[in-house]
Amino acid sequence: MTAREQGLRRIAAVTVGIAAASAIGTAAVAAAAWADTHAARSAGTSGGSSTDSGDSGDATGGTSTDNSAPSLSRTDQRPHVTSGGS
C-alpha cells in the first residue's frame, strides 16, 4: 500500500470520526435544550419570557416586564427589513 493510499484511508477515518462526534454533540445540545424547556414548563414559566426590566430601576407593584423585548403581537404586516434604495 502506498503512502497516498494510507493517507486517504486515514482521512476517511478522521472524517467519519468528526461526523460521528458532530452528531453526538448535536444530540447532546438538543437534549439539553429539551430538558431546559421541559423544566421551565414544569415550573410554570416559559423559557424565553424574562421579567427583568433591565437597569431602569422602576418597580411596578411587584410585577415587572421586560421593557427591552419587542412586541410579538404585530398588528401591521409590513416587513421588518427592506432592501435596496430608500
Protein backbone atom coordinates (compact mmCIF):
# COMPACT_ATOMS: atom_id res chain seq x y z
CA MET A 1 0.00 0.00 0.00
CA THR A 2 1.44 3.35 -0.98
CA ALA A 3 1.70 6.38 1.26
CA ARG A 4 -1.07 8.03 -0.75
CA GLU A 5 -3.48 5.17 -0.10
CA GLN A 6 -2.65 5.18 3.60
CA GLY A 7 -3.26 8.91 3.75
CA LEU A 8 -6.61 8.58 2.01
CA ARG A 9 -7.69 5.85 4.46
CA ARG A 10 -6.66 7.99 7.41
CA ILE A 11 -8.52 10.98 6.01
CA ALA A 12 -11.64 8.85 5.57
CA ALA A 13 -11.37 7.53 9.13
CA VAL A 14 -10.89 11.02 10.56
CA THR A 15 -13.83 12.36 8.52
CA VAL A 16 -16.11 9.60 9.80
CA GLY A 17 -14.94 10.31 13.35
CA ILE A 18 -15.63 14.02 13.03
CA ALA A 19 -19.10 13.33 11.59
CA ALA A 20 -19.89 10.97 14.47
CA ALA A 21 -18.66 13.47 17.06
CA SER A 22 -20.74 16.19 15.41
CA ALA A 23 -23.88 14.04 15.52
CA ILE A 24 -23.28 13.20 19.18
CA GLY A 25 -22.70 16.87 20.01
CA THR A 26 -25.84 17.93 18.17
CA ALA A 27 -27.88 15.32 20.03
CA ALA A 28 -26.42 16.47 23.35
CA VAL A 29 -27.31 20.12 22.67
CA ALA A 30 -30.82 19.14 21.58
CA ALA A 31 -31.29 17.03 24.71
CA ALA A 32 -30.10 19.88 26.94
CA ALA A 33 -32.44 22.34 25.20
CA TRP A 34 -35.36 19.93 25.54
CA ALA A 35 -34.59 19.38 29.23
CA ASP A 36 -34.38 23.13 29.86
CA THR A 37 -37.67 23.74 28.07
CA HIS A 38 -39.33 20.86 29.90
CA ALA A 39 -38.08 22.11 33.27
CA ALA A 40 -39.30 25.64 32.53
CA ARG A 41 -42.74 24.38 31.54
CA SER A 42 -42.94 22.18 34.60
CA ALA A 43 -42.11 25.18 36.78
CA GLY A 44 -44.91 27.15 35.15
CA THR A 45 -42.69 29.54 33.24
CA SER A 46 -41.73 29.82 29.64
CA GLY A 47 -38.02 29.74 28.97
CA GLY A 48 -37.94 32.85 26.83
CA SER A 49 -40.03 35.29 28.85
CA SER A 50 -37.87 37.05 31.35
CA THR A 51 -39.26 39.51 33.86
CA ASP A 52 -36.05 41.52 34.08
CA SER A 53 -36.67 45.20 33.47
CA GLY A 54 -33.02 45.96 32.93
CA ASP A 55 -31.36 48.81 34.79
CA SER A 56 -34.37 51.12 34.77
CA GLY A 57 -34.99 50.52 38.47
CA ASP A 58 -38.70 51.23 38.33
CA ALA A 59 -40.82 48.75 40.25
CA THR A 60 -44.41 48.23 39.19
CA GLY A 61 -46.08 46.81 42.25
CA GLY A 62 -44.16 43.54 42.43
CA THR A 63 -44.54 42.69 38.76
CA SER A 64 -42.21 43.88 36.09
CA THR A 65 -41.95 43.26 32.40
CA ASP A 66 -39.00 43.16 30.05
CA ASN A 67 -39.08 46.64 28.55
CA SER A 68 -36.35 45.86 26.03
CA ALA A 69 -38.19 43.00 24.31
CA PRO A 70 -40.03 43.75 21.09
CA SER A 71 -43.75 43.13 20.90
CA LEU A 72 -44.63 39.77 19.38
CA SER A 73 -48.18 40.79 18.53
CA ARG A 74 -47.75 42.96 15.49
CA THR A 75 -50.85 44.47 14.00
CA ASP A 76 -49.15 45.96 10.97
CA GLN A 77 -47.98 43.47 8.39
CA ARG A 78 -45.12 45.48 6.96
CA PRO A 79 -41.80 43.68 6.53
CA HIS A 80 -39.21 44.07 9.28
CA VAL A 81 -36.46 44.89 6.82
CA THR A 82 -36.49 46.26 3.33
CA SER A 83 -33.61 46.06 0.93
CA GLY A 84 -32.24 48.42 -1.63
CA GLY A 85 -32.73 52.10 -2.17
CA SER A 86 -34.56 54.48 0.09
